[in-house]
Amino acid sequence: MRTSIGARAASALRAGLGTKIVPLGPRPELPLELYEFEGCPFCRKAREAISVLDLSTQVWPCPKQGKRFRPRAVALAGKASFPTLVDPNQAEGAQVMQESDRIVEALFARYGAGEVPSLLRAGDAGNALSGLSTALRAGRGTLLQARKPGDDPRLVLYAHEGQPEARPIKERLSELELPYLWHPDAEGSANASEGSPRLIDETANATLIGGDAVTRHLLGAYV
């Protein structure tokens, strides 16, 4: 199950965005929380910002027709709009944000130390490329897929947003509504290491390295 041309092309269209961290500012104490689905181009922009800013994030997958975390996002923000980001590190309490451009601007203002990359700035050009990049994956990661009944496993994913090998993994996690703690490991990150993407399934006491191995594990254990 080698990485598809579509996955590589989708990453190439974003000019490597998400593969290297940018100058960083203050570090949050608590992980962010992101309600999103992999097949959404606006969610992609939020994930790219999270990746280049090296921000650990709890991801709550919200595929279309999903009934588990979508209602929670609506309860938090008042409407179904994705991405929805929760930042629990604000002095006034957890802040809930929607709309990718607002999320990107807020994350760089709080946790960056430089300009927002051009493809992440508000505007039609970056949005169009993100949309085309997502379209190359033909809707993967968008619709809910049935999985085995049972409690959620404890999953930890080390991968960065510009990584073609990680794209099918996140698509499966999204479709199956499997929440996971995401540690971006872009170049320059404290999390960067050999053997990426890497999934730690704490429930199954298993560590899988590489897109094929992780995808096979998810299909075998949860479908």
Protein backbone atom coordinates (compact mmCIF):
# COMPACT_ATOMS: atom_id res chain seq x y z
CA MET A 1 0.00 0.00 0.00
CA ARG A 2 2.47 2.60 -1.20
CA THR A 3 1.82 6.32 -0.90
CA SER A 4 -0.37 7.33 -3.81
CA ILE A 5 0.49 9.88 -6.46
CA GLY A 6 -2.56 11.83 -5.30
CA ALA A 7 -1.23 12.12 -1.75
CA ARG A 8 2.15 13.30 -2.99
CA ALA A 9 0.59 15.77 -5.40
CA ALA A 10 -1.72 17.10 -2.68
CA SER A 11 1.29 17.89 -0.50
CA ALA A 12 3.32 19.29 -3.40
CA LEU A 13 0.57 21.78 -4.25
CA ARG A 14 1.01 23.32 -0.81
CA ALA A 15 4.72 23.87 -1.53
CA GLY A 16 5.90 21.83 1.42
CA LEU A 17 3.87 23.84 3.92
CA GLY A 18 3.79 22.00 7.22
CA THR A 19 7.13 20.24 6.75
CA LYS A 20 9.33 22.77 8.64
CA ILE A 21 8.61 24.78 11.73
CA VAL A 22 8.71 28.56 11.58
CA PRO A 23 10.16 30.91 14.24
CA LEU A 24 8.28 30.15 17.44
CA GLY A 25 6.92 32.27 20.24
CA PRO A 26 5.60 31.27 23.68
CA ARG A 27 4.69 27.64 24.12
CA PRO A 28 1.23 26.61 25.38
CA GLU A 29 1.05 24.50 28.52
CA LEU A 30 -1.94 22.45 27.40
CA PRO A 31 -2.67 20.80 24.06
CA LEU A 32 -5.05 22.59 21.75
CA GLU A 33 -8.26 20.85 20.72
CA LEU A 34 -9.28 20.69 17.06
CA TYR A 35 -12.65 19.59 15.70
CA GLU A 36 -12.17 18.92 11.99
CA PHE A 37 -12.28 16.39 9.18
CA GLU A 38 -9.49 15.49 6.81
CA GLY A 39 -11.35 16.18 3.57
CA CYS A 40 -11.98 19.87 4.39
CA PRO A 41 -9.63 22.43 2.73
CA PHE A 42 -10.22 24.98 5.49
CA CYS A 43 -9.33 22.39 8.12
CA ARG A 44 -6.14 21.77 6.15
CA LYS A 45 -5.09 25.39 6.65
CA ALA A 46 -5.62 25.11 10.40
CA ARG A 47 -3.62 21.87 10.51
CA GLU A 48 -0.80 23.45 8.51
CA ALA A 49 -0.60 26.32 10.99
CA ILE A 50 -0.57 23.89 13.90
CA SER A 51 2.17 21.86 12.22
CA VAL A 52 4.55 24.75 11.45
CA LEU A 53 3.98 26.20 14.93
CA ASP A 54 4.75 22.82 16.52
CA LEU A 55 1.60 22.73 18.64
CA SER A 56 0.47 19.47 20.20
CA THR A 57 -3.24 19.08 19.56
CA GLN A 58 -6.04 16.73 20.55
CA VAL A 59 -7.95 16.01 17.35
CA TRP A 60 -11.67 15.21 17.44
CA PRO A 61 -12.60 13.92 13.96
CA CYS A 62 -15.92 15.25 12.66
CA PRO A 63 -16.66 13.58 9.32
CA LYS A 64 -19.91 14.33 7.55
CA GLN A 65 -22.73 12.24 9.04
CA GLY A 66 -20.63 11.85 12.17
CA LYS A 67 -22.69 11.77 15.35
CA ARG A 68 -20.01 11.68 18.02
CA PHE A 69 -17.94 14.89 18.02
CA ARG A 70 -19.88 17.11 15.61
CA PRO A 71 -22.60 17.78 18.21
CA ARG A 72 -19.93 18.70 20.75
CA ALA A 73 -18.40 21.22 18.33
CA VAL A 74 -21.82 22.74 17.73
CA ALA A 75 -22.46 22.97 21.48
CA LEU A 76 -19.12 24.73 21.97
CA ALA A 77 -19.37 27.20 19.11
CA GLY A 78 -23.09 27.52 18.48
CA LYS A 79 -22.98 26.33 14.88
CA ALA A 80 -21.61 23.54 12.71
CA SER A 81 -18.56 25.09 11.09
CA PHE A 82 -15.20 23.41 10.66
CA PRO A 83 -12.51 23.76 11.72
CA THR A 84 -13.44 24.56 15.30
CA LEU A 85 -10.47 25.16 17.59
CA VAL A 86 -10.44 25.27 21.37
CA ASP A 87 -7.46 26.89 23.06
CA PRO A 88 -7.52 26.11 26.81
CA ASN A 89 -4.41 28.21 27.48
CA GLN A 90 -6.06 31.63 27.59
CA ALA A 91 -6.12 33.51 30.89
CA GLU A 92 -9.82 34.23 30.53
CA GLY A 93 -10.61 30.55 29.99
CA ALA A 94 -10.82 28.25 27.02
CA GLN A 95 -11.44 30.17 23.83
CA VAL A 96 -13.44 28.67 20.98
CA MET A 97 -12.71 29.81 17.45
CA GLN A 98 -14.09 28.99 14.02
CA GLU A 99 -13.08 29.97 10.46
CA SER A 100 -9.63 28.96 9.31
CA ASP A 101 -8.28 32.47 8.66
CA ARG A 102 -9.23 33.62 12.15
CA ILE A 103 -7.69 30.51 13.68
CA VAL A 104 -4.43 30.92 11.72
CA GLU A 105 -4.12 34.59 12.68
CA ALA A 106 -4.77 33.85 16.36
CA LEU A 107 -2.29 30.96 16.51
CA PHE A 108 0.50 32.99 14.92
CA ALA A 109 -0.23 35.95 17.18
CA ARG A 110 -0.03 33.76 20.29
CA TYR A 111 2.55 31.13 19.44
CA GLY A 112 4.54 32.44 16.48
CA ALA A 113 7.43 34.86 16.25
CA GLY A 114 7.27 35.88 12.61
CA GLU A 115 5.02 36.48 9.64
CA VAL A 116 2.25 34.13 8.61
CA PRO A 117 3.41 32.13 5.55
CA SER A 118 1.86 33.45 2.33
CA LEU A 119 -0.20 30.32 1.65
CA LEU A 120 -1.77 30.59 5.10
CA ARG A 121 -2.73 34.25 4.88
CA ALA A 122 -6.33 35.24 4.38
CA GLY A 123 -7.12 35.47 0.69
CA ASP A 124 -8.37 33.61 -2.34
CA ALA A 125 -5.03 32.27 -3.61
CA GLY A 126 -4.17 30.20 -0.55
CA ASN A 127 -7.75 28.98 -0.19
CA ALA A 128 -7.92 27.94 -3.85
CA LEU A 129 -4.71 25.91 -3.62
CA SER A 130 -5.87 24.28 -0.41
CA GLY A 131 -9.14 23.37 -2.08
CA LEU A 132 -7.40 21.89 -5.12
CA SER A 133 -4.99 19.98 -2.91
CA THR A 134 -7.92 18.47 -1.04
CA ALA A 135 -9.82 17.69 -4.25
CA LEU A 136 -6.93 15.50 -5.41
CA ARG A 137 -7.82 13.11 -2.57
CA ALA A 138 -11.34 12.65 -4.00
CA GLY A 139 -13.19 13.22 -0.75
CA ARG A 140 -11.18 10.81 1.37
CA GLY A 141 -11.48 11.61 5.05
CA THR A 142 -14.84 13.33 4.54
CA LEU A 143 -17.60 10.77 5.10
CA LEU A 144 -18.26 8.62 8.15
CA GLN A 145 -17.33 4.94 7.80
CA ALA A 146 -18.58 2.19 10.08
CA ARG A 147 -16.15 0.81 12.63
CA LYS A 148 -16.20 -1.89 15.26
CA PRO A 149 -18.20 -0.97 18.36
CA GLY A 150 -16.29 -0.27 21.53
CA ASP A 151 -14.59 2.44 23.51
CA ASP A 152 -12.18 4.82 21.84
CA PRO A 153 -8.58 3.60 21.83
CA ARG A 154 -5.85 5.86 23.18
CA LEU A 155 -3.98 6.94 20.06
CA VAL A 156 -0.97 9.22 19.69
CA LEU A 157 0.19 10.28 16.22
CA TYR A 158 3.58 11.74 15.35
CA ALA A 159 3.40 13.22 11.85
CA HIS A 160 3.49 16.58 10.11
CA GLU A 161 0.90 18.08 7.82
CA GLY A 162 3.11 18.20 4.72
CA GLN A 163 3.87 14.49 4.90
CA PRO A 164 2.26 12.47 2.06
CA GLU A 165 2.65 9.20 3.99
CA ALA A 166 0.59 10.59 6.85
CA ARG A 167 -2.35 11.68 4.72
CA PRO A 168 -4.00 8.22 4.36
CA ILE A 169 -3.59 7.69 8.12
CA LYS A 170 -5.40 10.88 9.00
CA GLU A 171 -8.07 10.14 6.41
CA ARG A 172 -8.80 6.80 8.09
CA LEU A 173 -8.80 8.33 11.55
CA SER A 174 -11.22 10.96 10.33
CA GLU A 175 -13.59 8.53 8.61
CA LEU A 176 -13.66 6.21 11.62
CA GLU A 177 -14.14 9.03 14.16
CA LEU A 178 -11.07 7.88 16.06
CA PRO A 179 -9.76 10.72 18.26
CA TYR A 180 -6.03 11.07 18.69
CA LEU A 181 -3.38 13.24 20.28
CA TRP A 182 -1.33 14.75 17.47
CA HIS A 183 2.31 15.76 17.96
CA PRO A 184 3.53 17.49 14.79
CA ASP A 185 7.09 16.41 14.03
CA ALA A 186 8.04 18.81 11.26
CA GLU A 187 11.72 19.54 10.66
CA GLY A 188 13.05 21.53 13.61
CA SER A 189 10.44 20.22 16.02
CA ALA A 190 11.33 18.79 19.40
CA ASN A 191 9.21 15.81 18.32
CA ALA A 192 11.13 15.22 15.08
CA SER A 193 12.76 11.81 14.84
CA GLU A 194 13.36 8.96 12.47
CA GLY A 195 10.42 6.68 11.88
CA SER A 196 7.62 9.02 10.92
CA PRO A 197 4.69 8.89 10.65
CA ARG A 198 4.40 6.95 13.90
CA LEU A 199 1.25 5.86 15.67
CA ILE A 200 1.23 4.70 19.27
CA ASP A 201 -1.87 2.71 20.12
CA GLU A 202 -1.68 2.67 23.90
CA THR A 203 -4.83 0.56 24.18
CA ALA A 204 -3.37 -2.20 21.99
CA ASN A 205 0.16 -1.69 23.38
CA ALA A 206 1.42 -1.27 19.83
CA THR A 207 3.72 1.17 18.01
CA LEU A 208 3.48 1.33 14.23
CA ILE A 209 5.92 3.19 11.98
CA GLY A 210 5.24 4.15 8.39
CA GLY A 211 2.04 4.89 6.52
CA ASP A 212 1.40 1.33 5.37
CA ALA A 213 1.92 -0.24 8.78
CA VAL A 214 -0.28 2.30 10.55
CA THR A 215 -3.08 2.03 8.00
CA ARG A 216 -3.06 -1.77 8.16
CA HIS A 217 -3.26 -1.61 11.95
CA LEU A 218 -6.22 0.77 11.90
CA LEU A 219 -8.09 -1.38 9.38
CA GLY A 220 -7.35 -4.60 11.24
CA ALA A 221 -8.10 -3.32 14.73
CA TYR A 222 -11.05 -0.99 14.19
CA VAL A 223 -12.90 -1.91 10.96
